[in-house]
Amino acid sequence: MAIRPILTVDADMATLKQVSSPVEGGVTDELRALMDDMLETMYAAPGIGLAAIQIGVPKRIIVMDIEGPDQPKKPRYFVNPEILEASEELEPYEEGCLSVPDIYDEVERPAKVKLRYLDYDGNEVVEDAEGLYAVCIQHEMDHLEGVLFIDHLSRLKRDRAVAKVRKAARPAA
């Protein structure tokens, strides 16, 4: 396993805006190695979710672990995830993103979703998600479509967020 660099909006916006391609041919050992790298990268950041595009791989793959820092790790793997149903009820949640470091803002998303995906072993899973799980899977699935959480904000807030990340990335003079 290896920690990979996470792309950020200051230098890699064009890559982050790409729409990711579906994984063809099921879950392979090569794909599992990529997911292992993604998980290690996410834990090291630290974060609770990571889409493959965030490490420069435009494939429909997500890893997540929404357990708290004092809880046992419960990694989850999503290959070709899709939302089958979303509740009409919306819920606001303060979000952040490893690709938009140190920026947090409230985003409204459906409170509950039903999703389908392939797991680490290639098994098809259909399940319901709510709370932080629903927020996180929707946030990460946005990445697969080239959408960042700041795209849900006003243009002014989005521009300020990108400018703040760019300023923080500049070397000190």
Foldseek 3Di string as FASTA:
>chain_A
DAAADFAALLPQLVLLQDAADADPDFADPVNLVLVVNQCVNCVVLPHFKDASSRRPHRYGKMKGFPDDPPDPTDIWIFGPKDWPDFDPDKDWDWDDDSRLPPDIDIAIDGQKTWMWGATNVRDIDIGMDGDPRVVRVVQRVCSNNSDHRLVRPDPVSSVVSNVVSNVVPDDDD
